Amino acid sequence: MSARFSSWAAAAAWSRSFLPPRARNERGGILVLTAVVLVGLLATAGLAVDFGHVYIARSQLSSVADAGALAGARIGRLGQTRATNAVMAIAAANGLVTGTNGAAVDVQFATDSKGRQTVGVSITRTQKLFFAGLLGLAEIPVRAAATATGPPIDLVLVLDQSGSLAEAQAWDDVQVASKAFVDYFGDNYDKLALVSFQTIAAMRAQLSSTFKSNVKSKINEMSSFGSTNMSEGLRMARDELKSTRVQPNSLKAVVFFTDGYANTFRGTWNGYDLAVGTSTTGSTLNEATGRYLKNPDTQPPDYNVPWEGYCDKDPENKRTVCPWTWTARYTVDRAEADALARAFAL
């Protein structure tokens, strides 16, 4: 700057000397500037508050859309109408009903590249604005969407039908609960198989896409008797889920209903196919492993075979038993009981 001016203030004063007299008066200028700045700050703060409300509203809609999509995907196997009703019920519980207060709930169904059913939910709601209304923007639409997939399920239901359930007068309850459980799955989308076990296990119904009527009929036909051969029931379930009847890209599950602990085991010993029974009251291994069933697969799965007294015993060859009848406890001696217990890890 030229040496003529010793400071910025002197330069400013020299510049004002060229203005008209009225323009040189600075009184009140700061008030105008403050007012302009305050209006801008208030407008910015107002918009921040309004759009904060918009963000919260969208987060709430996202939660409802997520919950609706998950519920729809879970129930979609039972039909699109039931899935849609489930989504609408969740939306209504959160105050979102189509046509009310600017809300709209839409449900879409599709199939993805893996053949799985997808359920999409989109929700729109009008959000009122307060401060932005001063600028002519009174409301704004807020939207959220979610999609969920309900893969088909290959499920094996394994039911304990041992005699303890009848003794506890609980078998009827098991049948009712099992049939209600089957209704949670959908024909022509899921597959369901039924395995039961008592002294032996039985494959009642293999995996099928049209299972409801057949499986529930099989449950009705069953009765409660015999011992508890859990391991064979689970083995049959495992084998079924490894069969060619399973669907690609399905969820695979075993649901196991039982009321107690295992007391019968299946295996081969000394060339015999046996179902070996245990006893919690025996004081020796002989007493604890005093029953076995030879060739268990020959026993009808719905016939209550008595443990003893059903046919003649052969005291000369104690391992020769009726084709599908329990032997009495005395049919194994101590040495044989010890070997049998070790063989079956009882």
Protein backbone atom coordinates (compact mmCIF):
# COMPACT_ATOMS: atom_id res chain seq x y z
CA MET A 1 0.00 0.00 0.00
CA SER A 2 1.15 3.51 -0.64
CA ALA A 3 2.99 5.22 2.16
CA ARG A 4 0.26 7.88 2.03
CA PHE A 5 -1.92 5.64 4.19
CA SER A 6 -0.55 4.61 7.55
CA SER A 7 -3.30 2.08 8.28
CA TRP A 8 -6.31 0.26 6.84
CA ALA A 9 -8.59 2.56 8.80
CA ALA A 10 -7.05 5.56 7.09
CA ALA A 11 -7.53 3.87 3.72
CA ALA A 12 -11.19 3.18 4.47
CA ALA A 13 -11.76 6.78 5.57
CA TRP A 14 -10.18 8.07 2.40
CA SER A 15 -12.41 5.75 0.30
CA ARG A 16 -15.59 6.99 2.06
CA SER A 17 -14.66 10.54 1.23
CA PHE A 18 -15.73 9.86 -2.35
CA LEU A 19 -19.27 8.71 -1.29
CA PRO A 20 -22.28 11.03 -1.08
CA PRO A 21 -22.88 12.42 2.41
CA ARG A 22 -25.94 10.15 3.09
CA ALA A 23 -23.97 7.02 2.21
CA ARG A 24 -21.24 7.89 4.64
CA ASN A 25 -23.62 7.37 7.66
CA GLU A 26 -22.95 3.81 9.12
CA ARG A 27 -25.40 3.98 12.02
CA GLY A 28 -27.83 0.91 12.08
CA GLY A 29 -25.87 -1.10 9.53
CA ILE A 30 -24.84 -3.76 12.03
CA LEU A 31 -28.48 -4.33 12.99
CA VAL A 32 -29.43 -5.08 9.41
CA LEU A 33 -26.52 -7.45 9.03
CA THR A 34 -27.42 -9.22 12.31
CA ALA A 35 -31.03 -9.62 11.24
CA VAL A 36 -30.03 -11.17 7.92
CA VAL A 37 -27.63 -13.59 9.60
CA LEU A 38 -30.20 -14.57 12.24
CA VAL A 39 -32.83 -15.34 9.60
CA GLY A 40 -30.36 -17.60 7.82
CA LEU A 41 -29.35 -19.35 11.03
CA LEU A 42 -32.97 -19.90 12.09
CA ALA A 43 -33.86 -21.24 8.66
CA THR A 44 -30.93 -23.64 8.77
CA ALA A 45 -31.82 -24.80 12.28
CA GLY A 46 -35.46 -25.25 11.28
CA LEU A 47 -34.55 -27.34 8.27
CA ALA A 48 -32.23 -29.44 10.44
CA VAL A 49 -35.08 -30.11 12.90
CA ASP A 50 -37.54 -30.94 10.10
CA PHE A 51 -35.23 -33.30 8.30
CA GLY A 52 -34.23 -34.89 11.60
CA HIS A 53 -37.90 -35.78 12.00
CA VAL A 54 -37.87 -37.15 8.44
CA TYR A 55 -34.87 -39.33 9.26
CA ILE A 56 -36.55 -40.70 12.39
CA ALA A 57 -39.76 -41.37 10.48
CA ARG A 58 -37.87 -43.25 7.78
CA SER A 59 -36.06 -45.35 10.39
CA GLN A 60 -39.40 -46.28 11.91
CA LEU A 61 -40.82 -47.22 8.52
CA SER A 62 -37.73 -49.33 7.80
CA SER A 63 -38.25 -51.29 11.01
CA VAL A 64 -41.89 -51.95 10.15
CA ALA A 65 -41.03 -52.93 6.57
CA ASP A 66 -38.32 -55.34 7.83
CA ALA A 67 -40.68 -56.96 10.31
CA GLY A 68 -43.42 -57.24 7.71
CA ALA A 69 -41.15 -58.78 5.08
CA LEU A 70 -39.83 -61.37 7.55
CA ALA A 71 -43.34 -62.30 8.68
CA GLY A 72 -44.56 -62.50 5.11
CA ALA A 73 -41.64 -64.70 4.06
CA ARG A 74 -42.26 -67.06 6.96
CA ILE A 75 -45.99 -67.38 6.30
CA GLY A 76 -45.73 -67.12 2.50
CA ARG A 77 -45.42 -70.91 2.26
CA LEU A 78 -49.06 -71.04 3.38
CA GLY A 79 -50.28 -68.75 0.59
CA GLN A 80 -49.99 -65.15 -0.54
CA THR A 81 -53.26 -64.11 1.11
CA ARG A 82 -52.09 -65.17 4.56
CA ALA A 83 -48.70 -63.56 3.96
CA THR A 84 -50.31 -60.27 2.91
CA ASN A 85 -52.60 -60.32 5.95
CA ALA A 86 -49.59 -60.85 8.22
CA VAL A 87 -47.77 -57.87 6.71
CA MET A 88 -50.84 -55.64 6.98
CA ALA A 89 -51.38 -56.65 10.61
CA ILE A 90 -47.83 -55.65 11.54
CA ALA A 91 -48.18 -52.34 9.69
CA ALA A 92 -51.55 -51.61 11.38
CA ALA A 93 -50.06 -52.38 14.81
CA ASN A 94 -47.60 -49.55 14.09
CA GLY A 95 -50.28 -47.10 12.97
CA LEU A 96 -49.79 -47.59 9.24
CA VAL A 97 -53.00 -48.34 7.33
CA THR A 98 -53.30 -47.73 3.60
CA GLY A 99 -55.39 -44.62 2.97
CA THR A 100 -55.08 -43.27 6.49
CA ASN A 101 -52.93 -40.19 7.22
CA GLY A 102 -51.22 -40.46 3.87
CA ALA A 103 -49.96 -44.00 4.47
CA ALA A 104 -49.67 -46.72 1.82
CA VAL A 105 -48.52 -50.32 2.39
CA ASP A 106 -47.74 -52.53 -0.60
CA VAL A 107 -46.74 -56.22 -0.71
CA GLN A 108 -45.06 -57.87 -3.70
CA PHE A 109 -44.28 -61.55 -4.30
CA ALA A 110 -41.58 -62.92 -6.57
CA THR A 111 -39.25 -65.88 -7.07
CA ASP A 112 -35.49 -65.49 -7.03
CA SER A 113 -32.93 -67.21 -9.25
CA LYS A 114 -32.78 -70.21 -6.88
CA GLY A 115 -36.52 -70.77 -6.99
CA ARG A 116 -37.15 -69.34 -3.54
CA GLN A 117 -40.15 -67.17 -2.83
CA THR A 118 -39.40 -63.56 -1.91
CA VAL A 119 -41.71 -61.10 -0.19
CA GLY A 120 -41.18 -57.37 -0.70
CA VAL A 121 -42.80 -54.71 1.45
CA SER A 122 -42.82 -50.99 0.66
CA ILE A 123 -44.35 -48.40 2.97
CA THR A 124 -44.96 -44.73 2.22
CA ARG A 125 -46.15 -42.10 4.65
CA THR A 126 -46.51 -38.32 4.53
CA GLN A 127 -44.32 -36.48 7.02
CA LYS A 128 -45.40 -32.96 7.97
CA LEU A 129 -42.73 -30.24 8.15
CA PHE A 130 -42.84 -27.27 10.51
CA PHE A 131 -40.11 -24.79 9.76
CA ALA A 132 -39.83 -25.74 6.09
CA GLY A 133 -43.51 -24.82 5.78
CA LEU A 134 -42.44 -21.19 6.04
CA LEU A 135 -40.59 -21.75 2.78
CA GLY A 136 -43.62 -23.36 1.14
CA LEU A 137 -42.70 -27.02 1.83
CA ALA A 138 -45.43 -28.20 4.21
CA GLU A 139 -44.91 -31.99 3.91
CA ILE A 140 -42.73 -34.59 2.26
CA PRO A 141 -43.30 -38.28 1.40
CA VAL A 142 -41.15 -40.78 3.33
CA ARG A 143 -40.63 -44.27 1.96
CA ALA A 144 -38.95 -47.48 3.15
CA ALA A 145 -38.75 -50.93 1.58
CA ALA A 146 -37.53 -54.39 2.56
CA THR A 147 -37.34 -57.82 0.94
CA ALA A 148 -37.06 -61.19 2.66
CA THR A 149 -36.66 -64.72 1.34
CA GLY A 150 -38.52 -67.74 2.65
CA PRO A 151 -36.57 -70.78 1.43
CA PRO A 152 -38.35 -74.14 1.23
CA ILE A 153 -37.83 -76.47 4.17
CA ASP A 154 -37.10 -80.19 4.11
CA LEU A 155 -38.11 -81.35 7.58
CA VAL A 156 -38.24 -84.73 9.28
CA LEU A 157 -40.60 -84.88 12.26
CA VAL A 158 -39.44 -87.56 14.72
CA LEU A 159 -42.09 -88.62 17.26
CA ASP A 160 -41.61 -90.62 20.43
CA GLN A 161 -44.51 -93.08 20.73
CA SER A 162 -43.14 -95.05 23.70
CA GLY A 163 -45.47 -96.39 26.36
CA SER A 164 -44.55 -93.78 28.96
CA LEU A 165 -46.60 -91.21 27.04
CA ALA A 166 -49.73 -93.34 27.36
CA GLU A 167 -48.97 -93.99 31.02
CA ALA A 168 -48.78 -90.23 31.60
CA GLN A 169 -52.01 -89.75 29.61
CA ALA A 170 -50.06 -87.44 27.29
CA TRP A 171 -50.18 -89.32 23.99
CA ASP A 172 -53.36 -87.57 22.82
CA ASP A 173 -51.70 -84.22 23.49
CA VAL A 174 -48.66 -85.27 21.45
CA GLN A 175 -50.89 -86.20 18.50
CA VAL A 176 -52.80 -82.91 18.64
CA ALA A 177 -49.63 -80.80 18.95
CA SER A 178 -47.87 -82.71 16.17
CA LYS A 179 -50.72 -82.21 13.70
CA ALA A 180 -50.87 -78.50 14.57
CA PHE A 181 -47.12 -78.27 13.97
CA VAL A 182 -47.48 -79.84 10.50
CA ASP A 183 -49.93 -77.08 9.56
CA TYR A 184 -47.14 -74.49 9.84
CA PHE A 185 -45.63 -75.83 6.60
CA GLY A 186 -46.95 -75.64 3.06
CA ASP A 187 -47.78 -78.31 0.54
CA ASN A 188 -46.08 -77.84 -2.84
CA TYR A 189 -43.37 -75.64 -1.31
CA ASP A 190 -41.95 -77.49 1.69
CA LYS A 191 -41.34 -81.21 2.13
CA LEU A 192 -42.01 -83.11 5.34
CA ALA A 193 -41.32 -86.68 6.47
CA LEU A 194 -42.51 -88.57 9.57
CA VAL A 195 -40.46 -91.01 11.67
CA SER A 196 -41.66 -92.63 14.89
CA PHE A 197 -39.80 -94.66 17.47
CA GLN A 198 -40.56 -96.96 20.38
CA THR A 199 -38.70 -100.26 20.79
CA ILE A 200 -37.92 -99.92 17.09
CA ALA A 201 -38.15 -96.95 14.75
CA ALA A 202 -40.34 -96.71 11.66
CA MET A 203 -40.35 -94.50 8.59
CA ARG A 204 -44.02 -93.47 8.45
CA ALA A 205 -43.82 -91.09 5.51
CA GLN A 206 -40.91 -90.12 3.30
CA LEU A 207 -40.19 -86.56 2.21
CA SER A 208 -42.98 -85.39 -0.08
CA SER A 209 -44.24 -82.05 -1.36
CA THR A 210 -47.87 -83.09 -0.71
CA PHE A 211 -47.56 -84.26 2.86
CA LYS A 212 -50.16 -82.63 5.12
CA SER A 213 -53.04 -85.04 4.73
CA ASN A 214 -50.85 -88.15 4.71
CA VAL A 215 -48.67 -87.20 7.68
CA LYS A 216 -51.62 -86.18 9.86
CA SER A 217 -53.39 -89.43 8.96
CA LYS A 218 -50.29 -91.41 9.98
CA ILE A 219 -50.15 -89.58 13.31
CA ASN A 220 -53.79 -90.47 13.97
CA GLU A 221 -53.06 -94.16 13.33
CA MET A 222 -50.19 -94.36 15.82
CA SER A 223 -50.50 -95.60 19.40
CA SER A 224 -48.24 -95.33 22.43
CA PHE A 225 -46.37 -98.42 23.65
CA GLY A 226 -42.93 -99.98 23.94
CA SER A 227 -39.54 -98.63 24.97
CA THR A 228 -37.53 -95.59 23.83
CA ASN A 229 -35.11 -96.17 20.95
CA MET A 230 -34.15 -92.56 20.24
CA SER A 231 -30.96 -93.25 18.33
CA GLU A 232 -32.66 -95.31 15.64
CA GLY A 233 -35.28 -92.61 15.11
CA LEU A 234 -32.58 -89.98 14.67
CA ARG A 235 -30.61 -92.26 12.34
CA MET A 236 -33.65 -92.66 10.08
CA ALA A 237 -34.14 -88.89 10.05
CA ARG A 238 -30.50 -88.33 9.10
CA ASP A 239 -30.70 -90.88 6.30
CA GLU A 240 -33.84 -89.27 4.91
CA LEU A 241 -32.19 -85.84 4.78
CA LYS A 242 -29.29 -87.39 2.85
CA SER A 243 -31.62 -88.96 0.27
CA THR A 244 -32.36 -87.76 -3.26
CA ARG A 245 -35.77 -86.56 -2.10
CA VAL A 246 -34.38 -83.34 -0.59
CA GLN A 247 -34.81 -80.12 -2.53
CA PRO A 248 -31.92 -77.99 -3.77
CA ASN A 249 -31.39 -74.77 -1.79
CA SER A 250 -33.72 -75.90 1.00
CA LEU A 251 -33.27 -75.59 4.74
CA LYS A 252 -32.92 -79.03 6.29
CA ALA A 253 -34.15 -79.71 9.79
CA VAL A 254 -35.10 -82.46 12.23
CA VAL A 255 -37.74 -81.75 14.87
CA PHE A 256 -37.61 -84.26 17.70
CA PHE A 257 -40.49 -84.84 20.14
CA THR A 258 -39.77 -87.02 23.21
CA ASP A 259 -40.69 -87.23 26.89
CA GLY A 260 -37.68 -88.95 28.38
CA TYR A 261 -34.33 -90.65 27.94
CA ALA A 262 -33.23 -93.49 25.69
CA ASN A 263 -33.48 -97.00 27.14
CA THR A 264 -33.18 -99.13 23.98
CA PHE A 265 -30.39 -99.29 21.41
CA ARG A 266 -30.03 -100.97 18.02
CA GLY A 267 -26.96 -102.74 16.68
CA THR A 268 -25.33 -106.00 15.58
CA TRP A 269 -23.70 -108.29 18.13
CA ASN A 270 -22.30 -111.77 17.47
CA GLY A 271 -24.03 -111.78 14.11
CA TYR A 272 -27.44 -110.91 15.55
CA ASP A 273 -29.43 -107.80 14.63
CA LEU A 274 -30.66 -106.73 18.07
CA ALA A 275 -32.61 -104.05 19.83
CA VAL A 276 -31.15 -104.09 23.34
CA GLY A 277 -33.19 -102.86 26.28
CA THR A 278 -31.76 -101.41 29.47
CA SER A 279 -33.23 -101.05 32.93
CA THR A 280 -32.64 -98.31 35.47
CA THR A 281 -33.59 -100.66 38.31
CA GLY A 282 -31.01 -103.38 37.68
CA SER A 283 -28.25 -103.68 40.29
CA THR A 284 -25.98 -105.71 37.98
CA LEU A 285 -25.11 -105.64 34.31
CA ASN A 286 -27.07 -108.83 33.93
CA GLU A 287 -30.20 -107.12 35.21
CA ALA A 288 -29.49 -103.89 33.34
CA THR A 289 -29.23 -105.64 29.97
CA GLY A 290 -31.68 -108.45 30.51
CA ARG A 291 -33.83 -107.97 27.38
CA TYR A 292 -33.11 -107.92 23.71
CA LEU A 293 -35.16 -108.18 20.55
CA LYS A 294 -33.88 -110.28 17.68
CA ASN A 295 -34.47 -109.11 14.09
CA PRO A 296 -36.28 -105.91 15.19
CA ASP A 297 -37.38 -105.01 11.65
CA THR A 298 -39.78 -107.97 11.69
CA GLN A 299 -41.80 -106.34 14.47
CA PRO A 300 -44.89 -104.44 13.25
CA PRO A 301 -44.45 -100.78 14.23
CA ASP A 302 -48.01 -100.48 15.53
CA TYR A 303 -48.34 -103.74 17.41
CA ASN A 304 -47.69 -103.82 21.13
CA VAL A 305 -45.50 -106.88 21.60
CA PRO A 306 -45.29 -108.03 25.25
CA TRP A 307 -41.84 -108.26 26.74
CA GLU A 308 -42.29 -111.79 28.03
CA GLY A 309 -44.83 -114.60 28.02
CA TYR A 310 -45.77 -114.07 24.37
CA CYS A 311 -44.21 -117.30 23.14
CA ASP A 312 -42.32 -120.31 24.50
CA LYS A 313 -38.78 -119.79 25.72
CA ASP A 314 -35.98 -122.12 24.66
CA PRO A 315 -33.86 -122.77 27.76
CA GLU A 316 -31.30 -124.79 25.79
CA ASN A 317 -30.46 -121.98 23.37
CA LYS A 318 -31.19 -118.75 25.18
CA ARG A 319 -30.23 -116.50 22.23
CA THR A 320 -32.94 -118.03 20.05
CA VAL A 321 -35.99 -115.85 20.62
CA CYS A 322 -39.32 -115.40 18.93
CA PRO A 323 -38.97 -113.42 15.67
CA TRP A 324 -40.39 -110.24 17.16
CA THR A 325 -40.73 -110.79 20.88
CA TRP A 326 -38.73 -109.72 23.89
CA THR A 327 -37.00 -112.45 25.88
CA ALA A 328 -37.23 -112.63 29.65
CA ARG A 329 -34.37 -111.28 31.76
CA TYR A 330 -32.92 -114.72 32.40
CA THR A 331 -32.01 -115.22 28.74
CA VAL A 332 -28.51 -113.77 29.11
CA ASP A 333 -25.96 -114.85 31.66
CA ARG A 334 -23.49 -112.54 33.41
CA ALA A 335 -20.62 -112.97 30.96
CA GLU A 336 -22.90 -112.40 27.98
CA ALA A 337 -24.41 -109.34 29.68
CA ASP A 338 -20.96 -107.86 30.28
CA ALA A 339 -20.00 -108.28 26.60
CA LEU A 340 -23.34 -106.95 25.42
CA ALA A 341 -23.07 -103.88 27.63
CA ARG A 342 -19.58 -103.09 26.34
CA ALA A 343 -20.64 -103.63 22.73
CA PHE A 344 -23.48 -101.13 23.02
CA ALA A 345 -21.69 -98.78 25.46
CA LEU A 346 -24.58 -99.00 27.90
